[in-house]
Amino acid sequence: MSFLPQLILWYGREAAPDVPKMAGYRLRPYQRGDEEGWLALLQANGELGRWDQQRLEDVLAGTRVQLFVEGAGQIVACAGCNDRPRELRPCWEIGWVAVHPAFQGRGLGKCIVAAAVAQAKALGKRPIYLLTDDFRIPALRCYLKLGFLPNNSHPSYPRRWADIFARLGADYQGLKPEFGALERSP
C-alpha cells in the first residue's frame, strides 16, 4: 500500500479575502484557558485525527497565530497560521481548520479561513498554503471559493483533483485548473 500525501493548495490572490461578519458569533485570537474548548472542538469535528492535551500543546507550540470563532458559549471553529517552510522557502501555512459538526453549513469555515489568511498577510509577504484531505469536500469548496489553487507537485495529484472536481458539482467547474498547466506554487 502506497502512502498518498495530503493535497496542497496555494493562496492565489494578492489581497486577503473579506472576513464575513457572522451574527451571533465572535472571531477572536487564542487566549490562555482556551485549551479545553479547543480540544472539545477538535475531538467533535473528528476529521483531523485523534486529539489529546499533548497533541494540542505540540500544535500550539508551533502556531504563530491561532484563531477561534465562538458561538453559543463555546469555540465552534478554529484555524491557525503557522510559520512553515515549503519547497525550501519560508511560507505561511493555514492549519488545523475545523468547524464543530453542529455548526457546519453556516459559513464559519469561510470566516475562520479568511481571517487566518488575513493574519498571514499581515505577518509579512510570503506564499500561503494549506494541506487537506481528499474526503473534506465541504472544506475544499470553501478553500477554492476563497482563492486557494490546487497544487500539482505529486504524481497522484492530477487524478485526485479530477476526482474531487467531479464530486464538487457544476458550481465549481469554473475553478478547475488545467491539470497539465498547473504550477508547483504561485
N, C-alpha and C. Protein backbone atom coordinates (compact mmCIF):
# COMPACT_ATOMS: atom_id res chain seq x y z
N MET A 1 0.85 -1.18 0.00
CA MET A 1 0.00 0.00 0.00
C MET A 1 0.89 1.24 0.00
N SER A 2 0.67 2.13 -0.94
CA SER A 2 1.50 3.32 -1.02
C SER A 2 0.83 4.47 -0.27
N PHE A 3 1.65 5.31 0.29
CA PHE A 3 1.18 6.47 1.03
C PHE A 3 0.94 7.63 0.08
N LEU A 4 -0.23 8.23 0.16
CA LEU A 4 -0.53 9.41 -0.64
C LEU A 4 -0.43 10.64 0.25
N PRO A 5 0.28 11.66 -0.20
CA PRO A 5 0.40 12.86 0.62
C PRO A 5 -0.90 13.65 0.64
N GLN A 6 -1.02 14.50 1.65
CA GLN A 6 -2.16 15.40 1.67
C GLN A 6 -2.12 16.30 0.45
N LEU A 7 -3.27 16.81 0.09
CA LEU A 7 -3.36 17.77 -1.00
C LEU A 7 -2.81 19.11 -0.54
N ILE A 8 -2.19 19.83 -1.44
CA ILE A 8 -1.68 21.17 -1.16
C ILE A 8 -2.47 22.16 -2.00
N LEU A 9 -2.86 23.25 -1.38
CA LEU A 9 -3.48 24.37 -2.09
C LEU A 9 -2.71 25.63 -1.71
N TRP A 10 -2.43 26.47 -2.72
CA TRP A 10 -1.72 27.74 -2.51
C TRP A 10 -2.71 28.87 -2.64
N TYR A 11 -2.60 29.86 -1.78
CA TYR A 11 -3.47 31.03 -1.88
C TYR A 11 -3.02 31.83 -3.09
N GLY A 12 -3.95 32.10 -4.01
CA GLY A 12 -3.58 32.66 -5.30
C GLY A 12 -3.97 34.11 -5.53
N ARG A 13 -4.38 34.81 -4.50
CA ARG A 13 -4.79 36.20 -4.69
C ARG A 13 -3.81 37.14 -3.98
N GLU A 14 -3.71 38.35 -4.49
CA GLU A 14 -2.83 39.34 -3.88
C GLU A 14 -3.37 39.82 -2.54
N ALA A 15 -4.66 40.09 -2.49
CA ALA A 15 -5.28 40.59 -1.26
C ALA A 15 -5.91 39.44 -0.47
N ALA A 16 -6.03 39.66 0.82
CA ALA A 16 -6.73 38.69 1.66
C ALA A 16 -8.22 38.74 1.35
N PRO A 17 -8.92 37.64 1.52
CA PRO A 17 -10.36 37.68 1.30
C PRO A 17 -11.04 38.49 2.40
N ASP A 18 -12.22 39.00 2.10
CA ASP A 18 -13.00 39.69 3.12
C ASP A 18 -13.41 38.68 4.19
N VAL A 19 -13.32 39.09 5.44
CA VAL A 19 -13.75 38.24 6.55
C VAL A 19 -15.22 38.57 6.81
N PRO A 20 -16.10 37.61 6.55
CA PRO A 20 -17.53 37.90 6.72
C PRO A 20 -17.89 38.12 8.18
N LYS A 21 -18.80 39.04 8.41
CA LYS A 21 -19.37 39.25 9.75
C LYS A 21 -20.42 38.17 9.98
N MET A 22 -20.37 37.56 11.12
CA MET A 22 -21.28 36.46 11.41
C MET A 22 -22.12 36.83 12.63
N ALA A 23 -23.39 37.13 12.42
CA ALA A 23 -24.29 37.50 13.53
C ALA A 23 -24.35 36.35 14.53
N GLY A 24 -24.16 36.68 15.79
CA GLY A 24 -24.22 35.67 16.85
C GLY A 24 -22.92 34.95 17.11
N TYR A 25 -21.87 35.32 16.37
CA TYR A 25 -20.56 34.69 16.54
C TYR A 25 -19.50 35.76 16.73
N ARG A 26 -18.43 35.38 17.39
CA ARG A 26 -17.32 36.31 17.63
C ARG A 26 -16.02 35.66 17.19
N LEU A 27 -15.28 36.37 16.35
CA LEU A 27 -13.95 35.94 15.90
C LEU A 27 -12.93 36.52 16.86
N ARG A 28 -12.01 35.69 17.32
CA ARG A 28 -11.00 36.18 18.26
C ARG A 28 -9.76 35.31 18.24
N PRO A 29 -8.63 35.86 18.73
CA PRO A 29 -7.41 35.05 18.82
C PRO A 29 -7.42 34.15 20.07
N TYR A 30 -6.52 33.20 20.06
CA TYR A 30 -6.30 32.33 21.21
C TYR A 30 -5.97 33.15 22.45
N GLN A 31 -6.46 32.67 23.58
CA GLN A 31 -6.06 33.21 24.87
C GLN A 31 -5.88 32.06 25.84
N ARG A 32 -5.01 32.26 26.80
CA ARG A 32 -4.75 31.22 27.79
C ARG A 32 -6.08 30.78 28.42
N GLY A 33 -6.26 29.48 28.52
CA GLY A 33 -7.50 28.93 29.05
C GLY A 33 -8.43 28.37 27.97
N ASP A 34 -8.08 28.58 26.69
CA ASP A 34 -8.90 28.07 25.59
C ASP A 34 -8.71 26.59 25.31
N GLU A 35 -7.73 25.98 25.93
CA GLU A 35 -7.34 24.62 25.57
C GLU A 35 -8.49 23.61 25.66
N GLU A 36 -9.26 23.67 26.72
CA GLU A 36 -10.34 22.69 26.90
C GLU A 36 -11.40 22.82 25.80
N GLY A 37 -11.81 24.04 25.50
CA GLY A 37 -12.81 24.26 24.45
C GLY A 37 -12.28 23.92 23.07
N TRP A 38 -11.01 24.22 22.83
CA TRP A 38 -10.37 23.92 21.55
C TRP A 38 -10.29 22.40 21.36
N LEU A 39 -9.85 21.72 22.40
CA LEU A 39 -9.75 20.26 22.34
C LEU A 39 -11.12 19.64 22.10
N ALA A 40 -12.15 20.15 22.77
CA ALA A 40 -13.51 19.62 22.57
C ALA A 40 -13.95 19.81 21.12
N LEU A 41 -13.64 20.97 20.53
CA LEU A 41 -13.98 21.20 19.12
C LEU A 41 -13.27 20.20 18.21
N LEU A 42 -11.97 20.03 18.38
CA LEU A 42 -11.20 19.14 17.51
C LEU A 42 -11.67 17.69 17.65
N GLN A 43 -11.99 17.28 18.85
CA GLN A 43 -12.49 15.92 19.06
C GLN A 43 -13.87 15.74 18.43
N ALA A 44 -14.74 16.74 18.57
CA ALA A 44 -16.09 16.65 17.99
C ALA A 44 -16.03 16.66 16.47
N ASN A 45 -15.12 17.47 15.90
CA ASN A 45 -15.00 17.56 14.45
C ASN A 45 -14.64 16.21 13.84
N GLY A 46 -13.68 15.54 14.41
CA GLY A 46 -13.34 14.17 14.00
C GLY A 46 -12.65 14.00 12.67
N GLU A 47 -12.37 15.08 11.93
CA GLU A 47 -11.76 14.94 10.61
C GLU A 47 -10.24 15.12 10.62
N LEU A 48 -9.69 15.49 11.76
CA LEU A 48 -8.26 15.81 11.81
C LEU A 48 -7.48 14.85 12.70
N GLY A 49 -7.96 13.63 12.80
CA GLY A 49 -7.25 12.63 13.60
C GLY A 49 -7.63 12.70 15.07
N ARG A 50 -6.86 11.97 15.86
CA ARG A 50 -7.11 11.89 17.30
C ARG A 50 -6.42 13.04 18.01
N TRP A 51 -7.11 13.64 18.95
CA TRP A 51 -6.58 14.77 19.69
C TRP A 51 -6.61 14.50 21.18
N ASP A 52 -5.51 14.88 21.83
CA ASP A 52 -5.44 14.86 23.29
C ASP A 52 -4.69 16.11 23.73
N GLN A 53 -4.53 16.30 25.00
CA GLN A 53 -3.90 17.50 25.53
C GLN A 53 -2.47 17.67 25.00
N GLN A 54 -1.73 16.58 24.91
CA GLN A 54 -0.33 16.68 24.44
C GLN A 54 -0.26 17.11 22.98
N ARG A 55 -1.10 16.55 22.14
CA ARG A 55 -1.09 16.94 20.73
C ARG A 55 -1.48 18.41 20.60
N LEU A 56 -2.46 18.84 21.37
CA LEU A 56 -2.87 20.23 21.34
C LEU A 56 -1.72 21.16 21.74
N GLU A 57 -1.00 20.80 22.79
CA GLU A 57 0.14 21.61 23.23
C GLU A 57 1.24 21.64 22.17
N ASP A 58 1.49 20.51 21.51
CA ASP A 58 2.50 20.46 20.45
C ASP A 58 2.12 21.38 19.29
N VAL A 59 0.85 21.36 18.88
CA VAL A 59 0.39 22.21 17.79
C VAL A 59 0.48 23.68 18.19
N LEU A 60 0.06 23.99 19.40
CA LEU A 60 0.10 25.37 19.86
C LEU A 60 1.53 25.91 19.90
N ALA A 61 2.48 25.07 20.27
CA ALA A 61 3.88 25.49 20.33
C ALA A 61 4.41 25.90 18.96
N GLY A 62 3.87 25.33 17.90
CA GLY A 62 4.33 25.65 16.54
C GLY A 62 3.43 26.62 15.79
N THR A 63 2.45 27.20 16.49
CA THR A 63 1.48 28.08 15.84
C THR A 63 1.85 29.54 16.07
N ARG A 64 1.88 30.31 15.02
CA ARG A 64 2.18 31.74 15.13
C ARG A 64 0.96 32.52 15.61
N VAL A 65 -0.21 32.25 15.00
CA VAL A 65 -1.47 32.89 15.38
C VAL A 65 -2.55 31.81 15.36
N GLN A 66 -3.29 31.68 16.43
CA GLN A 66 -4.40 30.74 16.50
C GLN A 66 -5.68 31.55 16.62
N LEU A 67 -6.65 31.25 15.78
CA LEU A 67 -7.92 31.98 15.78
C LEU A 67 -9.08 31.05 16.10
N PHE A 68 -10.11 31.64 16.71
CA PHE A 68 -11.32 30.90 17.03
C PHE A 68 -12.54 31.71 16.64
N VAL A 69 -13.62 30.99 16.37
CA VAL A 69 -14.95 31.59 16.31
C VAL A 69 -15.70 31.01 17.49
N GLU A 70 -16.30 31.90 18.27
CA GLU A 70 -17.12 31.49 19.41
C GLU A 70 -18.58 31.71 19.08
N GLY A 71 -19.40 30.80 19.55
CA GLY A 71 -20.85 30.94 19.40
C GLY A 71 -21.52 30.01 20.37
N ALA A 72 -22.68 30.37 20.81
CA ALA A 72 -23.44 29.53 21.75
C ALA A 72 -22.60 29.14 22.97
N GLY A 73 -21.74 30.07 23.40
CA GLY A 73 -20.95 29.84 24.60
C GLY A 73 -19.80 28.85 24.47
N GLN A 74 -19.37 28.58 23.24
CA GLN A 74 -18.28 27.62 23.05
C GLN A 74 -17.47 27.97 21.81
N ILE A 75 -16.29 27.37 21.70
CA ILE A 75 -15.47 27.51 20.50
C ILE A 75 -16.07 26.59 19.44
N VAL A 76 -16.46 27.17 18.29
CA VAL A 76 -17.15 26.38 17.26
C VAL A 76 -16.35 26.25 15.97
N ALA A 77 -15.26 27.03 15.83
CA ALA A 77 -14.41 26.92 14.64
C ALA A 77 -13.01 27.38 15.02
N CYS A 78 -12.01 26.83 14.30
CA CYS A 78 -10.62 27.20 14.58
C CYS A 78 -9.78 27.09 13.31
N ALA A 79 -8.71 27.86 13.30
CA ALA A 79 -7.68 27.78 12.26
C ALA A 79 -6.43 28.46 12.81
N GLY A 80 -5.29 27.96 12.38
CA GLY A 80 -4.04 28.57 12.80
C GLY A 80 -3.24 29.06 11.61
N CYS A 81 -2.34 29.96 11.89
CA CYS A 81 -1.39 30.45 10.90
C CYS A 81 0.00 30.09 11.43
N ASN A 82 0.71 29.28 10.67
CA ASN A 82 1.98 28.74 11.12
C ASN A 82 3.12 29.17 10.21
N ASP A 83 4.27 29.38 10.79
CA ASP A 83 5.49 29.71 10.06
C ASP A 83 6.13 28.39 9.63
N ARG A 84 5.85 27.95 8.38
CA ARG A 84 6.32 26.64 7.92
C ARG A 84 6.92 26.73 6.53
N PRO A 85 8.16 26.33 6.40
CA PRO A 85 8.74 26.32 5.05
C PRO A 85 8.09 25.26 4.18
N ARG A 86 8.07 25.54 2.90
CA ARG A 86 7.58 24.58 1.90
C ARG A 86 8.40 24.83 0.65
N GLU A 87 8.82 23.79 0.00
CA GLU A 87 9.64 23.90 -1.21
C GLU A 87 10.86 24.79 -0.95
N LEU A 88 11.46 24.60 0.22
CA LEU A 88 12.72 25.24 0.62
C LEU A 88 12.64 26.76 0.73
N ARG A 89 11.46 27.29 1.04
CA ARG A 89 11.33 28.74 1.23
C ARG A 89 10.34 29.00 2.37
N PRO A 90 10.48 30.15 3.03
CA PRO A 90 9.54 30.48 4.11
C PRO A 90 8.13 30.68 3.56
N CYS A 91 7.17 30.13 4.25
CA CYS A 91 5.77 30.24 3.87
C CYS A 91 4.91 30.36 5.12
N TRP A 92 3.67 30.76 4.92
CA TRP A 92 2.66 30.70 5.97
C TRP A 92 1.74 29.52 5.65
N GLU A 93 1.54 28.66 6.62
CA GLU A 93 0.60 27.55 6.46
C GLU A 93 -0.65 27.84 7.28
N ILE A 94 -1.79 27.73 6.64
CA ILE A 94 -3.07 27.79 7.34
C ILE A 94 -3.37 26.36 7.76
N GLY A 95 -3.47 26.12 9.06
CA GLY A 95 -3.57 24.73 9.51
C GLY A 95 -4.64 24.48 10.56
N TRP A 96 -4.98 23.22 10.68
CA TRP A 96 -5.92 22.69 11.66
C TRP A 96 -7.24 23.46 11.63
N VAL A 97 -7.80 23.52 10.42
CA VAL A 97 -9.09 24.18 10.21
C VAL A 97 -10.19 23.19 10.59
N ALA A 98 -11.05 23.60 11.51
CA ALA A 98 -12.14 22.72 11.93
C ALA A 98 -13.36 23.55 12.31
N VAL A 99 -14.53 23.00 12.04
CA VAL A 99 -15.80 23.58 12.46
C VAL A 99 -16.57 22.46 13.18
N HIS A 100 -17.14 22.79 14.31
CA HIS A 100 -17.93 21.82 15.07
C HIS A 100 -19.08 21.32 14.19
N PRO A 101 -19.32 20.01 14.17
CA PRO A 101 -20.38 19.46 13.31
C PRO A 101 -21.75 20.12 13.50
N ALA A 102 -22.09 20.51 14.71
CA ALA A 102 -23.40 21.13 14.96
C ALA A 102 -23.49 22.54 14.37
N PHE A 103 -22.36 23.10 13.92
CA PHE A 103 -22.33 24.46 13.41
C PHE A 103 -21.89 24.53 11.94
N GLN A 104 -21.74 23.39 11.30
CA GLN A 104 -21.31 23.37 9.90
C GLN A 104 -22.43 23.85 8.99
N GLY A 105 -22.05 24.37 7.82
CA GLY A 105 -23.03 24.85 6.86
C GLY A 105 -23.51 26.27 7.12
N ARG A 106 -22.84 26.99 8.03
CA ARG A 106 -23.25 28.36 8.38
C ARG A 106 -22.24 29.42 7.92
N GLY A 107 -21.22 29.01 7.18
CA GLY A 107 -20.22 29.96 6.72
C GLY A 107 -19.08 30.20 7.69
N LEU A 108 -19.02 29.42 8.76
CA LEU A 108 -17.97 29.62 9.76
C LEU A 108 -16.59 29.20 9.24
N GLY A 109 -16.54 28.20 8.38
CA GLY A 109 -15.28 27.79 7.77
C GLY A 109 -14.71 28.93 6.93
N LYS A 110 -15.56 29.55 6.13
CA LYS A 110 -15.12 30.68 5.31
C LYS A 110 -14.62 31.81 6.20
N CYS A 111 -15.32 32.10 7.27
CA CYS A 111 -14.93 33.17 8.19
C CYS A 111 -13.56 32.90 8.80
N ILE A 112 -13.35 31.70 9.32
CA ILE A 112 -12.11 31.41 10.05
C ILE A 112 -10.93 31.32 9.09
N VAL A 113 -11.12 30.75 7.91
CA VAL A 113 -10.03 30.65 6.94
C VAL A 113 -9.68 32.03 6.38
N ALA A 114 -10.69 32.83 6.07
CA ALA A 114 -10.43 34.19 5.58
C ALA A 114 -9.67 34.99 6.63
N ALA A 115 -10.05 34.85 7.89
CA ALA A 115 -9.35 35.55 8.97
C ALA A 115 -7.91 35.07 9.11
N ALA A 116 -7.68 33.77 8.96
CA ALA A 116 -6.32 33.23 9.05
C ALA A 116 -5.45 33.73 7.89
N VAL A 117 -6.01 33.80 6.69
CA VAL A 117 -5.27 34.34 5.55
C VAL A 117 -4.95 35.81 5.78
N ALA A 118 -5.91 36.57 6.30
CA ALA A 118 -5.67 37.98 6.60
C ALA A 118 -4.55 38.13 7.63
N GLN A 119 -4.52 37.26 8.62
CA GLN A 119 -3.44 37.30 9.62
C GLN A 119 -2.10 37.00 8.97
N ALA A 120 -2.08 35.99 8.10
CA ALA A 120 -0.84 35.64 7.41
C ALA A 120 -0.35 36.81 6.56
N LYS A 121 -1.25 37.44 5.84
CA LYS A 121 -0.87 38.60 5.02
C LYS A 121 -0.30 39.72 5.89
N ALA A 122 -0.89 39.93 7.07
CA ALA A 122 -0.42 40.99 7.97
C ALA A 122 0.94 40.66 8.57
N LEU A 123 1.28 39.39 8.69
CA LEU A 123 2.56 38.98 9.27
C LEU A 123 3.74 39.23 8.33
N GLY A 124 3.48 39.29 7.05
CA GLY A 124 4.56 39.53 6.10
C GLY A 124 4.33 38.82 4.79
N LYS A 125 4.95 39.34 3.75
CA LYS A 125 4.77 38.81 2.40
C LYS A 125 5.50 37.47 2.26
N ARG A 126 4.72 36.44 2.15
CA ARG A 126 5.21 35.08 1.90
C ARG A 126 4.09 34.31 1.21
N PRO A 127 4.43 33.26 0.49
CA PRO A 127 3.37 32.40 -0.04
C PRO A 127 2.57 31.78 1.12
N ILE A 128 1.29 31.56 0.88
CA ILE A 128 0.39 30.97 1.87
C ILE A 128 -0.18 29.69 1.28
N TYR A 129 -0.15 28.63 2.07
CA TYR A 129 -0.69 27.35 1.61
C TYR A 129 -1.45 26.67 2.73
N LEU A 130 -2.15 25.63 2.36
CA LEU A 130 -2.76 24.75 3.35
C LEU A 130 -2.72 23.32 2.83
N LEU A 131 -2.82 22.40 3.74
CA LEU A 131 -2.87 20.97 3.44
C LEU A 131 -4.26 20.47 3.82
N THR A 132 -4.78 19.56 3.02
CA THR A 132 -6.08 18.99 3.34
C THR A 132 -6.18 17.59 2.75
N ASP A 133 -7.30 16.97 2.98
CA ASP A 133 -7.52 15.60 2.53
C ASP A 133 -8.63 15.54 1.49
N ASP A 134 -8.55 14.55 0.64
CA ASP A 134 -9.49 14.37 -0.47
C ASP A 134 -10.95 14.30 0.00
N PHE A 135 -11.21 13.71 1.15
CA PHE A 135 -12.58 13.48 1.61
C PHE A 135 -13.23 14.74 2.19
N ARG A 136 -12.48 15.80 2.40
CA ARG A 136 -13.02 17.01 3.04
C ARG A 136 -13.66 17.94 2.00
N ILE A 137 -14.66 17.42 1.30
CA ILE A 137 -15.29 18.14 0.19
C ILE A 137 -15.87 19.50 0.63
N PRO A 138 -16.60 19.61 1.73
CA PRO A 138 -17.07 20.95 2.12
C PRO A 138 -15.91 21.92 2.37
N ALA A 139 -14.85 21.47 2.99
CA ALA A 139 -13.69 22.34 3.22
C ALA A 139 -13.05 22.73 1.89
N LEU A 140 -12.93 21.80 0.97
CA LEU A 140 -12.34 22.10 -0.34
C LEU A 140 -13.18 23.14 -1.08
N ARG A 141 -14.50 23.05 -0.98
CA ARG A 141 -15.36 24.07 -1.60
C ARG A 141 -15.01 25.46 -1.04
N CYS A 142 -14.89 25.53 0.26
CA CYS A 142 -14.56 26.79 0.92
C CYS A 142 -13.21 27.32 0.46
N TYR A 143 -12.19 26.47 0.47
CA TYR A 143 -10.84 26.91 0.10
C TYR A 143 -10.78 27.42 -1.34
N LEU A 144 -11.42 26.70 -2.23
CA LEU A 144 -11.42 27.10 -3.64
C LEU A 144 -12.13 28.44 -3.83
N LYS A 145 -13.27 28.61 -3.20
CA LYS A 145 -14.03 29.87 -3.33
C LYS A 145 -13.26 31.05 -2.74
N LEU A 146 -12.43 30.80 -1.73
CA LEU A 146 -11.64 31.87 -1.12
C LEU A 146 -10.41 32.25 -1.94
N GLY A 147 -10.06 31.43 -2.93
CA GLY A 147 -8.92 31.78 -3.78
C GLY A 147 -7.72 30.86 -3.66
N PHE A 148 -7.87 29.72 -3.00
CA PHE A 148 -6.78 28.75 -2.96
C PHE A 148 -6.78 27.95 -4.26
N LEU A 149 -5.59 27.62 -4.73
CA LEU A 149 -5.43 26.93 -6.01
C LEU A 149 -4.79 25.56 -5.82
N PRO A 150 -5.30 24.53 -6.50
CA PRO A 150 -4.72 23.20 -6.39
C PRO A 150 -3.26 23.16 -6.85
N ASN A 151 -2.49 22.37 -6.17
CA ASN A 151 -1.07 22.16 -6.46
C ASN A 151 -0.92 20.86 -7.24
N ASN A 152 0.11 20.78 -8.05
CA ASN A 152 0.33 19.60 -8.89
C ASN A 152 1.73 19.02 -8.71
N SER A 153 2.25 19.06 -7.48
CA SER A 153 3.64 18.66 -7.26
C SER A 153 3.83 17.17 -6.98
N HIS A 154 2.78 16.40 -6.93
CA HIS A 154 2.91 14.96 -6.71
C HIS A 154 2.22 14.22 -7.86
N PRO A 155 2.77 13.09 -8.29
CA PRO A 155 2.17 12.37 -9.43
C PRO A 155 0.71 11.97 -9.22
N SER A 156 0.28 11.82 -7.98
CA SER A 156 -1.11 11.42 -7.72
C SER A 156 -2.09 12.59 -7.81
N TYR A 157 -1.60 13.81 -7.77
CA TYR A 157 -2.50 14.96 -7.67
C TYR A 157 -3.43 15.13 -8.88
N PRO A 158 -2.97 15.06 -10.12
CA PRO A 158 -3.92 15.29 -11.23
C PRO A 158 -5.15 14.37 -11.18
N ARG A 159 -4.93 13.09 -10.93
CA ARG A 159 -6.05 12.16 -10.85
C ARG A 159 -6.94 12.48 -9.66
N ARG A 160 -6.34 12.77 -8.51
CA ARG A 160 -7.11 13.06 -7.30
C ARG A 160 -7.91 14.35 -7.46
N TRP A 161 -7.29 15.38 -8.03
CA TRP A 161 -8.02 16.62 -8.24
C TRP A 161 -9.16 16.43 -9.24
N ALA A 162 -8.95 15.63 -10.28
CA ALA A 162 -10.02 15.36 -11.24
C ALA A 162 -11.20 14.69 -10.53
N ASP A 163 -10.92 13.72 -9.66
CA ASP A 163 -11.97 13.06 -8.89
C ASP A 163 -12.70 14.03 -7.97
N ILE A 164 -11.94 14.91 -7.33
CA ILE A 164 -12.54 15.89 -6.42
C ILE A 164 -13.45 16.84 -7.19
N PHE A 165 -12.97 17.38 -8.31
CA PHE A 165 -13.80 18.31 -9.07
C PHE A 165 -15.05 17.62 -9.60
N ALA A 166 -14.99 16.35 -9.89
CA ALA A 166 -16.19 15.61 -10.31
C ALA A 166 -17.21 15.56 -9.17
N ARG A 167 -16.74 15.55 -7.92
CA ARG A 167 -17.62 15.50 -6.75
C ARG A 167 -18.07 16.88 -6.29
N LEU A 168 -17.37 17.92 -6.68
CA LEU A 168 -17.70 19.26 -6.21
C LEU A 168 -18.98 19.82 -6.83
N GLY A 169 -19.29 19.42 -8.04
CA GLY A 169 -20.51 19.89 -8.68
C GLY A 169 -20.26 21.00 -9.69
N ALA A 170 -21.31 21.35 -10.39
CA ALA A 170 -21.23 22.28 -11.52
C ALA A 170 -20.75 23.67 -11.11
N ASP A 171 -21.11 24.14 -9.93
CA ASP A 171 -20.72 25.48 -9.49
C ASP A 171 -19.20 25.65 -9.38
N TYR A 172 -18.47 24.57 -9.30
CA TYR A 172 -17.02 24.64 -9.09
C TYR A 172 -16.20 24.35 -10.33
N GLN A 173 -16.85 23.99 -11.42
CA GLN A 173 -16.11 23.61 -12.61
C GLN A 173 -15.33 24.79 -13.20
N GLY A 174 -15.80 26.00 -12.99
CA GLY A 174 -15.07 27.17 -13.45
C GLY A 174 -13.78 27.41 -12.69
N LEU A 175 -13.63 26.77 -11.53
CA LEU A 175 -12.42 26.91 -10.73
C LEU A 175 -11.42 25.79 -11.00
N LYS A 176 -11.84 24.83 -11.81
CA LYS A 176 -10.99 23.67 -12.10
C LYS A 176 -9.82 24.09 -12.97
N PRO A 177 -8.60 23.84 -12.51
CA PRO A 177 -7.44 24.22 -13.31
C PRO A 177 -7.19 23.22 -14.43
N GLU A 178 -6.42 23.65 -15.40
CA GLU A 178 -5.92 22.73 -16.42
C GLU A 178 -4.79 21.96 -15.76
N PHE A 179 -5.01 20.69 -15.49
CA PHE A 179 -4.03 19.94 -14.72
C PHE A 179 -2.68 19.85 -15.40
N GLY A 180 -2.66 19.87 -16.71
CA GLY A 180 -1.38 19.84 -17.40
C GLY A 180 -0.61 21.14 -17.23
N ALA A 181 -1.33 22.22 -16.93
CA ALA A 181 -0.70 23.54 -16.81
C ALA A 181 -0.52 23.98 -15.37
N LEU A 182 -0.88 23.12 -14.41
CA LEU A 182 -0.75 23.52 -13.00
C LEU A 182 0.70 23.83 -12.66
N GLU A 183 0.89 24.89 -11.95
CA GLU A 183 2.23 25.23 -11.49
C GLU A 183 2.47 24.54 -10.15
N ARG A 184 3.72 24.48 -9.77
CA ARG A 184 4.05 23.90 -8.46
C ARG A 184 3.57 24.80 -7.34
N SER A 185 3.66 26.07 -7.46
CA SER A 185 3.18 27.03 -6.47
C SER A 185 3.19 28.41 -7.10
N PRO A 186 2.47 29.35 -6.46
CA PRO A 186 2.43 30.70 -7.03
C PRO A 186 3.77 31.41 -6.89
